[in-house]
Amino acid sequence: MKNCLACRSVHVQQKSSILARLFFSIYMLLAVYFFTGELGFGALIVFIPLVIPYMHTCSDCHRSFFRMPGVKLNSFWVGNHLEKYLLALLPSILTITLLILNFPNTGLGRIVYLPGIFCINSLIIVIYVYQSEQLKKALKLFLGVMVLISTIVLSILTYPQEYGENVWELIWTINN
């Protein structure tokens, strides 16, 4: 049972989740792979956020303290802005990973592409996450799907190729 260290209240909330830290660790591992082209044992350092103590806040006395997470299902997903952002970034990151694996002829364009597309997609997602709180549920869902589709399409359209056709044309000629 989690009790507050100051007032011994049982109304303690965990402020970050295991899922957010896992997403963050996986994104960092993929970033190491994107920029180096290989994964060695040194890349395992990105999993350190999983073992750092989590912040908890008491609802009664409003004090914050650090403790390891509980093994309850509600500690897996808290639902804060960071978790929504990391979850919305997942399709874009997976698309970029697939592009790098299937279309490796990028030359030096990948050095500019990866940070650039990450920043653009992050900006789109952050604007959606912070503006969607005031929207109705149906509109929020529609805009969420449109944001995910637009980040995937932007990732594909702006992917650099050193020579030959661009990736969008290659994908359509493979499918037809």
Protein backbone atom coordinates (compact mmCIF):
# COMPACT_ATOMS: atom_id res chain seq x y z
CA MET A 1 0.00 0.00 0.00
CA LYS A 2 1.37 3.42 -0.95
CA ASN A 3 1.15 5.93 1.88
CA CYS A 4 2.22 9.55 1.93
CA LEU A 5 5.52 10.03 3.70
CA ALA A 6 4.31 13.18 5.49
CA CYS A 7 0.63 12.65 6.41
CA ARG A 8 0.31 8.83 5.95
CA SER A 9 -2.65 9.33 3.60
CA VAL A 10 -3.49 6.56 1.14
CA HIS A 11 -4.57 9.08 -1.54
CA VAL A 12 -1.29 9.00 -3.45
CA GLN A 13 -1.11 9.33 -7.24
CA GLN A 14 1.75 8.33 -9.48
CA LYS A 15 2.54 11.22 -11.87
CA SER A 16 4.25 9.30 -14.67
CA SER A 17 3.70 5.85 -16.04
CA ILE A 18 5.74 2.84 -16.98
CA LEU A 19 4.37 3.05 -20.53
CA ALA A 20 5.65 6.61 -21.06
CA ARG A 21 9.12 5.63 -19.89
CA LEU A 22 9.08 2.52 -22.07
CA PHE A 23 8.08 4.58 -25.13
CA PHE A 24 10.80 7.10 -24.34
CA SER A 25 13.41 4.34 -24.00
CA ILE A 26 12.38 2.73 -27.28
CA TYR A 27 12.46 6.08 -29.09
CA MET A 28 15.94 6.74 -27.75
CA LEU A 29 17.07 3.26 -28.83
CA LEU A 30 15.71 3.91 -32.33
CA ALA A 31 17.44 7.30 -32.40
CA VAL A 32 20.75 5.59 -31.62
CA TYR A 33 20.07 3.15 -34.44
CA PHE A 34 19.00 5.91 -36.87
CA PHE A 35 22.18 7.91 -36.41
CA THR A 36 24.75 5.15 -35.94
CA GLY A 37 23.30 2.35 -38.06
CA GLU A 38 23.94 -0.32 -35.43
CA LEU A 39 22.97 -1.28 -31.92
CA GLY A 40 25.72 -2.33 -29.55
CA PHE A 41 25.64 -3.05 -25.84
CA GLY A 42 26.27 0.64 -25.17
CA ALA A 43 22.82 1.42 -26.52
CA LEU A 44 21.25 -0.35 -23.54
CA ILE A 45 21.88 2.82 -21.52
CA VAL A 46 18.60 4.16 -22.95
CA PHE A 47 16.66 1.80 -20.65
CA ILE A 48 17.82 3.63 -17.50
CA PRO A 49 14.56 5.67 -17.28
CA LEU A 50 12.70 2.45 -16.52
CA VAL A 51 14.48 2.01 -13.18
CA ILE A 52 14.60 5.63 -11.97
CA PRO A 53 12.08 6.24 -9.15
CA TYR A 54 8.73 7.74 -10.14
CA MET A 55 7.21 10.95 -8.80
CA HIS A 56 4.15 10.55 -6.58
CA THR A 57 1.88 13.29 -5.18
CA CYS A 58 -0.37 13.14 -2.14
CA SER A 59 -3.90 14.39 -2.82
CA ASP A 60 -4.39 15.47 0.80
CA CYS A 61 -1.22 17.42 1.69
CA HIS A 62 -0.04 18.03 -1.93
CA ARG A 63 3.51 16.93 -1.21
CA SER A 64 5.57 15.23 -3.88
CA PHE A 65 8.04 12.43 -3.34
CA PHE A 66 9.85 9.76 -5.34
CA ARG A 67 9.18 6.04 -5.05
CA MET A 68 9.26 2.97 -7.25
CA PRO A 69 5.99 2.33 -9.12
CA GLY A 70 3.29 0.07 -7.79
CA VAL A 71 2.40 -3.12 -9.58
CA LYS A 72 -1.16 -2.00 -10.23
CA LEU A 73 -2.72 -1.69 -13.67
CA ASN A 74 -3.47 2.02 -13.19
CA SER A 75 0.26 2.77 -12.89
CA PHE A 76 0.71 1.54 -16.47
CA TRP A 77 -1.14 4.53 -18.02
CA VAL A 78 -1.63 7.85 -16.23
CA GLY A 79 -3.02 9.80 -19.21
CA ASN A 80 -0.98 12.98 -18.97
CA HIS A 81 0.15 15.09 -21.95
CA LEU A 82 3.52 13.35 -22.23
CA GLU A 83 1.91 9.93 -22.60
CA LYS A 84 -0.54 11.20 -25.20
CA TYR A 85 2.32 12.79 -27.13
CA LEU A 86 4.47 9.64 -27.03
CA LEU A 87 1.55 7.46 -28.10
CA ALA A 88 0.66 9.80 -30.97
CA LEU A 89 4.30 9.86 -32.11
CA LEU A 90 4.43 6.05 -32.38
CA PRO A 91 3.04 5.73 -35.96
CA SER A 92 5.46 8.38 -37.22
CA ILE A 93 8.46 6.71 -35.56
CA LEU A 94 7.44 3.30 -36.91
CA THR A 95 7.04 4.77 -40.41
CA ILE A 96 10.50 6.37 -40.24
CA THR A 97 11.96 3.07 -39.03
CA LEU A 98 10.38 1.18 -41.93
CA LEU A 99 11.60 3.81 -44.39
CA ILE A 100 15.16 3.58 -43.11
CA LEU A 101 15.13 -0.21 -43.26
CA ASN A 102 13.54 -0.45 -46.74
CA PHE A 103 15.04 2.62 -48.46
CA PRO A 104 18.63 3.00 -47.20
CA ASN A 105 19.94 5.14 -50.12
CA THR A 106 19.60 8.46 -48.35
CA GLY A 107 23.14 9.81 -48.47
CA LEU A 108 23.66 12.78 -46.19
CA GLY A 109 20.01 13.77 -46.48
CA ARG A 110 19.17 11.58 -43.49
CA ILE A 111 21.25 13.83 -41.23
CA VAL A 112 18.91 16.73 -42.00
CA TYR A 113 15.74 14.65 -42.43
CA LEU A 114 15.61 12.87 -39.07
CA PRO A 115 15.74 15.90 -36.74
CA GLY A 116 13.65 17.97 -39.15
CA ILE A 117 10.78 15.53 -39.55
CA PHE A 118 10.87 14.69 -35.85
CA CYS A 119 10.48 18.39 -34.97
CA ILE A 120 7.69 18.96 -37.51
CA ASN A 121 5.74 15.87 -36.44
CA SER A 122 6.29 16.72 -32.77
CA LEU A 123 5.00 20.25 -33.29
CA ILE A 124 1.84 18.97 -35.03
CA ILE A 125 1.21 16.44 -32.25
CA VAL A 126 1.89 18.89 -29.40
CA ILE A 127 -0.54 21.42 -30.89
CA TYR A 128 -3.17 18.68 -31.19
CA VAL A 129 -2.63 17.34 -27.66
CA TYR A 130 -2.94 20.76 -26.03
CA GLN A 131 -5.81 22.03 -28.22
CA SER A 132 -7.90 18.86 -28.16
CA GLU A 133 -8.92 19.26 -24.51
CA GLN A 134 -11.64 21.75 -25.43
CA LEU A 135 -13.07 19.70 -28.29
CA LYS A 136 -15.99 17.31 -28.30
CA LYS A 137 -15.21 13.60 -28.36
CA ALA A 138 -16.17 12.93 -32.02
CA LEU A 139 -14.22 15.94 -33.31
CA LYS A 140 -11.26 15.03 -31.10
CA LEU A 141 -11.20 11.50 -32.54
CA PHE A 142 -11.49 12.77 -36.13
CA LEU A 143 -8.70 15.31 -35.66
CA GLY A 144 -6.56 12.71 -33.89
CA VAL A 145 -6.82 10.35 -36.85
CA MET A 146 -6.07 13.20 -39.25
CA VAL A 147 -2.99 14.20 -37.22
CA LEU A 148 -1.69 10.62 -37.28
CA ILE A 149 -2.29 10.28 -41.02
CA SER A 150 -0.67 13.66 -41.74
CA THR A 151 2.46 12.81 -39.73
CA ILE A 152 2.81 9.49 -41.58
CA VAL A 153 2.31 11.13 -44.98
CA LEU A 154 4.77 13.92 -44.12
CA SER A 155 7.32 11.33 -43.03
CA ILE A 156 6.99 9.50 -46.35
CA LEU A 157 6.84 12.57 -48.61
CA THR A 158 9.91 14.24 -47.13
CA TYR A 159 12.08 11.11 -46.90
CA PRO A 160 15.28 11.75 -48.89
CA GLN A 161 16.58 9.50 -51.66
CA GLU A 162 20.07 10.01 -53.03
CA TYR A 163 19.15 8.91 -56.55
CA GLY A 164 16.16 7.59 -58.46
CA GLU A 165 12.49 8.17 -57.77
CA ASN A 166 11.24 9.45 -54.46
CA VAL A 167 9.83 7.05 -51.89
CA TRP A 168 6.18 7.95 -52.48
CA GLU A 169 6.45 6.98 -56.17
CA LEU A 170 8.36 3.80 -55.31
CA ILE A 171 5.67 2.72 -52.85
CA TRP A 172 2.89 3.29 -55.39
CA THR A 173 4.74 1.43 -58.16
CA ILE A 174 5.38 -1.54 -55.85
CA ASN A 175 1.70 -1.75 -54.91
CA ASN A 176 0.43 -1.47 -58.51
